[in-house]
Amino acid sequence: MVRDICKDVIFLAQKAQPAGPEDRETAKDLLDTLAAHKEGCVGMAANMIGVCKQIIAFDNQGEYMVMYNPEILKRSGPYEAEEGCLSLSGTRKAKRWKSIKVQFQNEDLQPRVKTFTGWTAQIIQHEIDHCQGILI
């Protein structure tokens, strides 16, 4: 189900709770909402649709991917980016990393560790920030 985009900065600034099997419907709604906004959005976190859980969805080189409870384990190659967000107006500067190693659970809640680089890494970092209550 496509959900409304949350723009309440007080809600968005809350740290999200760990996600579990009971949150599969939220992950599906997140994917549906991301697809509905594909023209202007490449990633979303669950709090952007009003659910304070650690779930992100993003465009991974042309295919959508969902992560439950993502955590960055390693970072390298810092740079400054300028980003926008559906939940906020305008763009803002953000420190990002060219390469990140992420620990997460996939859609079947199986543990995974994967390294991402470039644009995909930047998207993931933005969404993990959302899970931590960090707004750009």
Protein backbone atom coordinates (compact mmCIF):
# COMPACT_ATOMS: atom_id res chain seq x y z
CA MET A 1 0.00 0.00 0.00
CA VAL A 2 1.30 3.45 -0.89
CA ARG A 3 1.55 5.54 2.26
CA ASP A 4 1.72 9.30 2.81
CA ILE A 5 5.18 10.82 3.28
CA CYS A 6 5.78 11.94 6.88
CA LYS A 7 7.09 15.50 7.15
CA ASP A 8 6.91 15.80 10.96
CA VAL A 9 10.51 16.58 11.94
CA ILE A 10 9.88 15.72 15.61
CA PHE A 11 8.74 12.20 14.60
CA LEU A 12 11.55 11.87 12.04
CA ALA A 13 14.16 12.85 14.68
CA GLN A 14 13.31 9.79 16.82
CA LYS A 15 15.67 6.83 16.72
CA ALA A 16 13.88 3.88 15.13
CA GLN A 17 13.27 0.61 16.96
CA PRO A 18 14.65 -2.73 15.73
CA ALA A 19 12.50 -4.42 13.08
CA GLY A 20 11.36 -8.05 13.12
CA PRO A 21 9.11 -10.50 11.28
CA GLU A 22 6.00 -8.60 12.40
CA ASP A 23 7.19 -5.67 10.24
CA ARG A 24 7.01 -7.40 6.84
CA GLU A 25 3.89 -5.45 5.88
CA THR A 26 5.72 -2.19 6.65
CA ALA A 27 8.57 -3.27 4.36
CA LYS A 28 6.08 -4.02 1.59
CA ASP A 29 4.40 -0.62 2.06
CA LEU A 30 7.83 1.01 1.99
CA LEU A 31 8.62 -0.62 -1.37
CA ASP A 32 5.19 0.36 -2.75
CA THR A 33 5.65 3.96 -1.60
CA LEU A 34 9.19 4.14 -2.99
CA ALA A 35 7.99 2.83 -6.36
CA ALA A 36 5.18 5.41 -6.39
CA HIS A 37 7.78 8.19 -5.92
CA LYS A 38 10.45 6.74 -8.24
CA GLU A 39 10.63 9.91 -10.32
CA GLY A 40 12.03 11.93 -7.41
CA CYS A 41 13.20 9.40 -4.83
CA VAL A 42 15.81 6.63 -4.73
CA GLY A 43 15.50 5.49 -1.14
CA MET A 44 13.22 5.57 1.89
CA ALA A 45 13.26 4.64 5.56
CA ALA A 46 10.20 3.36 7.41
CA ASN A 47 9.88 6.53 9.47
CA MET A 48 9.25 8.42 6.23
CA ILE A 49 5.94 6.53 6.03
CA GLY A 50 5.15 7.01 9.71
CA VAL A 51 6.58 3.77 11.14
CA CYS A 52 9.49 4.13 13.58
CA LYS A 53 11.28 0.88 12.69
CA GLN A 54 14.76 0.21 11.30
CA ILE A 55 13.78 -0.71 7.75
CA ILE A 56 15.10 0.90 4.58
CA ALA A 57 14.33 0.39 0.90
CA PHE A 58 16.41 1.76 -1.95
CA ASP A 59 17.31 1.51 -5.62
CA ASN A 60 20.29 -0.85 -5.84
CA GLN A 61 21.46 -0.32 -9.42
CA GLY A 62 17.99 -0.66 -10.93
CA GLU A 63 16.45 -3.16 -8.48
CA TYR A 64 14.79 -2.29 -5.20
CA MET A 65 16.33 -3.77 -2.08
CA VAL A 66 15.08 -3.88 1.52
CA MET A 67 17.25 -3.98 4.63
CA TYR A 68 16.07 -4.68 8.15
CA ASN A 69 18.20 -3.29 10.99
CA PRO A 70 21.05 -1.97 8.81
CA GLU A 71 24.29 -0.96 10.51
CA ILE A 72 27.44 0.41 8.91
CA LEU A 73 30.46 -1.59 10.06
CA LYS A 74 33.18 0.11 8.02
CA ARG A 75 33.53 3.37 6.06
CA SER A 76 36.20 4.73 3.73
CA GLY A 77 36.71 7.69 1.43
CA PRO A 78 34.89 10.63 3.05
CA TYR A 79 33.38 13.34 0.84
CA GLU A 80 30.79 16.10 1.03
CA ALA A 81 27.48 15.56 -0.77
CA GLU A 82 24.39 17.67 -1.28
CA GLU A 83 21.14 15.78 -0.77
CA GLY A 84 17.42 16.26 -0.87
CA CYS A 85 14.70 14.31 0.92
CA LEU A 86 10.99 13.79 0.31
CA SER A 87 10.35 14.48 4.00
CA LEU A 88 12.20 17.83 3.97
CA SER A 89 12.24 20.82 1.67
CA GLY A 90 15.34 21.89 -0.23
CA THR A 91 18.79 20.32 -0.21
CA ARG A 92 21.45 20.13 2.47
CA LYS A 93 25.12 19.22 2.71
CA ALA A 94 26.02 15.87 4.28
CA LYS A 95 29.28 14.02 4.97
CA ARG A 96 29.24 10.69 3.16
CA TRP A 97 31.65 7.83 2.48
CA LYS A 98 32.55 6.38 -0.94
CA SER A 99 32.55 2.81 0.37
CA ILE A 100 30.58 1.26 3.26
CA LYS A 101 30.34 -2.25 4.67
CA VAL A 102 26.81 -2.88 5.96
CA GLN A 103 25.46 -5.57 8.26
CA PHE A 104 21.70 -6.11 7.88
CA GLN A 105 18.92 -8.64 7.60
CA ASN A 106 17.34 -9.35 4.22
CA GLU A 107 13.61 -9.68 3.50
CA ASP A 108 13.67 -13.19 5.01
CA LEU A 109 15.41 -11.74 8.11
CA GLN A 110 18.59 -13.67 7.31
CA PRO A 111 21.81 -11.90 8.41
CA ARG A 112 23.93 -10.45 5.63
CA VAL A 113 27.06 -8.33 5.27
CA LYS A 114 27.74 -6.51 2.02
CA THR A 115 29.96 -3.70 0.76
CA PHE A 116 28.42 -0.90 -1.29
CA THR A 117 30.16 1.90 -3.17
CA GLY A 118 29.36 5.14 -4.96
CA TRP A 119 25.79 6.33 -5.43
CA THR A 120 24.24 3.23 -3.83
CA ALA A 121 26.42 3.70 -0.73
CA GLN A 122 25.32 7.34 -0.50
CA ILE A 123 21.63 6.37 -0.66
CA ILE A 124 22.06 3.74 2.06
CA GLN A 125 23.88 6.20 4.33
CA HIS A 126 21.04 8.72 3.97
CA GLU A 127 18.44 6.09 4.88
CA ILE A 128 20.44 4.71 7.81
CA ASP A 129 20.68 8.29 9.08
CA HIS A 130 16.86 8.35 9.04
CA CYS A 131 16.82 5.19 11.20
CA GLN A 132 19.09 6.96 13.67
CA GLY A 133 16.87 10.06 13.77
CA ILE A 134 19.48 12.10 11.89
CA LEU A 135 18.01 14.58 9.42
CA ILE A 136 20.23 16.07 6.75
